[in-house]
Amino acid sequence: MSQPESDDLLDRLGELEQRIADMEARAEEPGVGSLVRRLVPPEARRHLRAARKEQLLAARAFIDHWIDRLDREPAPRSRRHERIELD
């Protein structure tokens, strides 16, 4: 990469960092959450939240299925020990 290209990239990076800093400063609450709220439209956030909930419900159904299956299985029988006489 040539020096002018490198300088251009550094300038651009500086501009982007300044824009992010300005956005965070304007946010009501500082942090990543406020940045996400500003970048992701409300409707998209609602869909993402619903998708997270569905994933958790699917995990719950999966776990409940296997718990129920374990509850239906008969308890393992204990093995009868056989005494062997040695001469």
N, C-alpha and C. Protein backbone atom coordinates (compact mmCIF):
# COMPACT_ATOMS: atom_id res chain seq x y z
N MET A 1 0.86 -1.17 0.00
CA MET A 1 0.00 0.00 0.00
C MET A 1 0.90 1.23 0.00
N SER A 2 0.58 2.18 -0.82
CA SER A 2 1.40 3.38 -0.91
C SER A 2 1.11 4.32 0.25
N GLN A 3 2.00 5.24 0.47
CA GLN A 3 1.85 6.19 1.57
C GLN A 3 0.58 7.03 1.44
N PRO A 4 0.26 7.56 0.23
CA PRO A 4 -0.99 8.33 0.11
C PRO A 4 -2.23 7.49 0.45
N GLU A 5 -2.24 6.23 0.01
CA GLU A 5 -3.38 5.36 0.33
C GLU A 5 -3.47 5.13 1.83
N SER A 6 -2.34 4.91 2.43
CA SER A 6 -2.29 4.69 3.88
C SER A 6 -2.79 5.92 4.62
N ASP A 7 -2.34 7.10 4.17
CA ASP A 7 -2.79 8.34 4.80
C ASP A 7 -4.29 8.54 4.63
N ASP A 8 -4.81 8.21 3.43
CA ASP A 8 -6.25 8.31 3.18
C ASP A 8 -7.04 7.41 4.13
N LEU A 9 -6.56 6.18 4.29
CA LEU A 9 -7.24 5.24 5.18
C LEU A 9 -7.21 5.73 6.62
N LEU A 10 -6.09 6.26 7.05
CA LEU A 10 -6.00 6.78 8.42
C LEU A 10 -6.94 7.97 8.61
N ASP A 11 -7.02 8.85 7.60
CA ASP A 11 -7.95 9.99 7.68
C ASP A 11 -9.39 9.50 7.76
N ARG A 12 -9.73 8.54 6.92
CA ARG A 12 -11.10 7.99 6.90
C ARG A 12 -11.43 7.33 8.23
N LEU A 13 -10.48 6.58 8.77
CA LEU A 13 -10.68 5.93 10.06
C LEU A 13 -10.91 6.97 11.15
N GLY A 14 -10.15 8.04 11.10
CA GLY A 14 -10.34 9.12 12.07
C GLY A 14 -11.72 9.74 11.97
N GLU A 15 -12.18 9.96 10.72
CA GLU A 15 -13.53 10.51 10.51
C GLU A 15 -14.60 9.58 11.07
N LEU A 16 -14.46 8.29 10.79
CA LEU A 16 -15.45 7.32 11.28
C LEU A 16 -15.46 7.25 12.80
N GLU A 17 -14.28 7.26 13.40
CA GLU A 17 -14.21 7.23 14.86
C GLU A 17 -14.87 8.47 15.45
N GLN A 18 -14.68 9.62 14.81
CA GLN A 18 -15.31 10.86 15.28
C GLN A 18 -16.82 10.79 15.15
N ARG A 19 -17.31 10.24 14.04
CA ARG A 19 -18.76 10.10 13.86
C ARG A 19 -19.37 9.20 14.92
N ILE A 20 -18.69 8.10 15.23
CA ILE A 20 -19.18 7.20 16.27
C ILE A 20 -19.19 7.91 17.61
N ALA A 21 -18.12 8.63 17.91
CA ALA A 21 -18.05 9.37 19.18
C ALA A 21 -19.17 10.39 19.27
N ASP A 22 -19.45 11.09 18.17
CA ASP A 22 -20.55 12.07 18.15
C ASP A 22 -21.90 11.40 18.39
N MET A 23 -22.12 10.26 17.75
CA MET A 23 -23.39 9.54 17.93
C MET A 23 -23.56 9.10 19.38
N GLU A 24 -22.50 8.59 19.97
CA GLU A 24 -22.58 8.14 21.36
C GLU A 24 -22.80 9.32 22.30
N ALA A 25 -22.21 10.46 22.00
CA ALA A 25 -22.37 11.63 22.85
C ALA A 25 -23.80 12.15 22.80
N ARG A 26 -24.44 12.04 21.63
CA ARG A 26 -25.82 12.51 21.48
C ARG A 26 -26.85 11.56 22.08
N ALA A 27 -26.46 10.32 22.28
CA ALA A 27 -27.42 9.32 22.77
C ALA A 27 -27.83 9.67 24.20
N GLU A 28 -29.06 9.31 24.54
CA GLU A 28 -29.55 9.56 25.88
C GLU A 28 -28.77 8.77 26.92
N GLU A 29 -28.45 7.54 26.61
CA GLU A 29 -27.66 6.72 27.51
C GLU A 29 -26.42 6.29 26.75
N PRO A 30 -25.27 6.47 27.32
CA PRO A 30 -24.06 6.06 26.62
C PRO A 30 -23.93 4.55 26.57
N GLY A 31 -23.24 4.06 25.57
CA GLY A 31 -22.98 2.63 25.49
C GLY A 31 -23.41 2.02 24.17
N VAL A 32 -23.15 0.73 24.08
CA VAL A 32 -23.44 -0.01 22.84
C VAL A 32 -24.94 -0.08 22.59
N GLY A 33 -25.72 -0.25 23.65
CA GLY A 33 -27.18 -0.37 23.49
C GLY A 33 -27.78 0.83 22.79
N SER A 34 -27.36 2.02 23.18
CA SER A 34 -27.91 3.21 22.55
C SER A 34 -27.46 3.32 21.10
N LEU A 35 -26.24 2.88 20.81
CA LEU A 35 -25.76 2.89 19.43
C LEU A 35 -26.60 1.95 18.57
N VAL A 36 -26.88 0.77 19.10
CA VAL A 36 -27.71 -0.20 18.37
C VAL A 36 -29.10 0.37 18.16
N ARG A 37 -29.67 0.99 19.20
CA ARG A 37 -31.01 1.57 19.06
C ARG A 37 -31.05 2.64 17.98
N ARG A 38 -29.94 3.37 17.81
CA ARG A 38 -29.91 4.42 16.79
C ARG A 38 -29.70 3.84 15.39
N LEU A 39 -29.02 2.71 15.29
CA LEU A 39 -28.69 2.15 13.98
C LEU A 39 -29.74 1.17 13.47
N VAL A 40 -30.40 0.44 14.37
CA VAL A 40 -31.35 -0.59 13.96
C VAL A 40 -32.77 -0.03 14.11
N PRO A 41 -33.54 -0.04 13.04
CA PRO A 41 -34.90 0.50 13.11
C PRO A 41 -35.76 -0.27 14.12
N PRO A 42 -36.74 0.41 14.72
CA PRO A 42 -37.58 -0.23 15.74
C PRO A 42 -38.26 -1.51 15.27
N GLU A 43 -38.76 -1.52 14.03
CA GLU A 43 -39.43 -2.73 13.54
C GLU A 43 -38.45 -3.90 13.47
N ALA A 44 -37.24 -3.64 13.02
CA ALA A 44 -36.22 -4.70 12.96
C ALA A 44 -35.88 -5.19 14.37
N ARG A 45 -35.80 -4.28 15.33
CA ARG A 45 -35.52 -4.68 16.73
C ARG A 45 -36.63 -5.58 17.26
N ARG A 46 -37.88 -5.26 16.92
CA ARG A 46 -39.01 -6.10 17.37
C ARG A 46 -38.89 -7.51 16.78
N HIS A 47 -38.55 -7.59 15.51
CA HIS A 47 -38.39 -8.91 14.87
C HIS A 47 -37.23 -9.68 15.51
N LEU A 48 -36.13 -9.01 15.75
CA LEU A 48 -34.97 -9.68 16.36
C LEU A 48 -35.30 -10.17 17.76
N ARG A 49 -36.04 -9.36 18.52
CA ARG A 49 -36.43 -9.77 19.87
C ARG A 49 -37.35 -10.99 19.81
N ALA A 50 -38.30 -10.97 18.89
CA ALA A 50 -39.22 -12.11 18.74
C ALA A 50 -38.45 -13.36 18.31
N ALA A 51 -37.46 -13.19 17.46
CA ALA A 51 -36.66 -14.34 17.02
C ALA A 51 -35.87 -14.92 18.19
N ARG A 52 -35.30 -14.06 19.04
CA ARG A 52 -34.58 -14.55 20.23
C ARG A 52 -35.52 -15.33 21.13
N LYS A 53 -36.73 -14.80 21.31
CA LYS A 53 -37.71 -15.48 22.16
C LYS A 53 -38.06 -16.85 21.58
N GLU A 54 -38.27 -16.92 20.27
CA GLU A 54 -38.59 -18.20 19.63
C GLU A 54 -37.46 -19.21 19.79
N GLN A 55 -36.22 -18.75 19.71
CA GLN A 55 -35.09 -19.65 19.91
C GLN A 55 -35.09 -20.20 21.33
N LEU A 56 -35.38 -19.36 22.30
CA LEU A 56 -35.43 -19.82 23.69
C LEU A 56 -36.59 -20.79 23.91
N LEU A 57 -37.73 -20.51 23.29
CA LEU A 57 -38.87 -21.42 23.41
C LEU A 57 -38.56 -22.77 22.77
N ALA A 58 -37.85 -22.75 21.65
CA ALA A 58 -37.45 -24.01 21.00
C ALA A 58 -36.51 -24.79 21.91
N ALA A 59 -35.58 -24.11 22.54
CA ALA A 59 -34.65 -24.78 23.45
C ALA A 59 -35.43 -25.38 24.63
N ARG A 60 -36.41 -24.63 25.14
CA ARG A 60 -37.22 -25.14 26.25
C ARG A 60 -37.98 -26.40 25.83
N ALA A 61 -38.58 -26.37 24.63
CA ALA A 61 -39.33 -27.53 24.14
C ALA A 61 -38.41 -28.74 23.99
N PHE A 62 -37.22 -28.51 23.49
CA PHE A 62 -36.24 -29.59 23.33
C PHE A 62 -35.89 -30.21 24.68
N ILE A 63 -35.60 -29.36 25.65
CA ILE A 63 -35.23 -29.85 26.99
C ILE A 63 -36.42 -30.56 27.64
N ASP A 64 -37.62 -29.97 27.54
CA ASP A 64 -38.81 -30.60 28.13
C ASP A 64 -39.06 -31.98 27.52
N HIS A 65 -38.86 -32.11 26.21
CA HIS A 65 -39.04 -33.40 25.54
C HIS A 65 -38.14 -34.45 26.16
N TRP A 66 -36.88 -34.13 26.33
CA TRP A 66 -35.93 -35.13 26.86
C TRP A 66 -36.15 -35.40 28.34
N ILE A 67 -36.60 -34.41 29.10
CA ILE A 67 -36.94 -34.65 30.51
C ILE A 67 -38.12 -35.59 30.59
N ASP A 68 -39.17 -35.33 29.78
CA ASP A 68 -40.34 -36.22 29.77
C ASP A 68 -39.95 -37.64 29.37
N ARG A 69 -39.10 -37.76 28.40
CA ARG A 69 -38.66 -39.08 27.96
C ARG A 69 -37.92 -39.82 29.08
N LEU A 70 -37.07 -39.11 29.79
CA LEU A 70 -36.37 -39.73 30.92
C LEU A 70 -37.34 -40.15 32.02
N ASP A 71 -38.37 -39.33 32.25
CA ASP A 71 -39.36 -39.65 33.28
C ASP A 71 -40.18 -40.89 32.91
N ARG A 72 -40.42 -41.12 31.63
CA ARG A 72 -41.22 -42.27 31.19
C ARG A 72 -40.43 -43.57 31.19
N GLU A 73 -39.12 -43.49 31.10
CA GLU A 73 -38.30 -44.70 31.06
C GLU A 73 -38.34 -45.38 32.42
N PRO A 74 -38.42 -46.71 32.41
CA PRO A 74 -38.36 -47.40 33.70
C PRO A 74 -36.98 -47.21 34.33
N ALA A 75 -36.98 -47.23 35.64
CA ALA A 75 -35.70 -47.09 36.34
C ALA A 75 -34.81 -48.28 35.98
N PRO A 76 -33.55 -48.05 35.81
CA PRO A 76 -32.67 -49.16 35.46
C PRO A 76 -32.66 -50.20 36.59
N ARG A 77 -32.77 -51.47 36.17
CA ARG A 77 -32.75 -52.54 37.17
C ARG A 77 -31.32 -52.74 37.64
N SER A 78 -31.22 -53.00 38.91
CA SER A 78 -29.87 -53.27 39.40
C SER A 78 -29.49 -54.68 38.98
N ARG A 79 -28.28 -54.84 38.59
CA ARG A 79 -27.83 -56.16 38.16
C ARG A 79 -27.66 -57.05 39.38
N ARG A 80 -28.13 -58.28 39.22
CA ARG A 80 -28.00 -59.25 40.31
C ARG A 80 -26.58 -59.77 40.30
N HIS A 81 -25.97 -59.73 41.44
CA HIS A 81 -24.60 -60.23 41.52
C HIS A 81 -24.62 -61.73 41.76
N GLU A 82 -23.77 -62.37 41.10
CA GLU A 82 -23.69 -63.82 41.22
C GLU A 82 -22.40 -64.16 41.96
N ARG A 83 -22.55 -65.02 42.97
CA ARG A 83 -21.38 -65.42 43.74
C ARG A 83 -20.73 -66.61 43.05
N ILE A 84 -19.45 -66.50 42.82
CA ILE A 84 -18.69 -67.58 42.19
C ILE A 84 -17.69 -68.10 43.21
N GLU A 85 -17.80 -69.38 43.48
CA GLU A 85 -16.87 -70.01 44.43
C GLU A 85 -15.57 -70.36 43.72
N LEU A 86 -14.48 -70.06 44.36
CA LEU A 86 -13.17 -70.41 43.81
C LEU A 86 -12.60 -71.58 44.59
N ASP A 87 -12.01 -72.52 43.91
CA ASP A 87 -11.39 -73.68 44.57
C ASP A 87 -10.01 -73.38 45.05
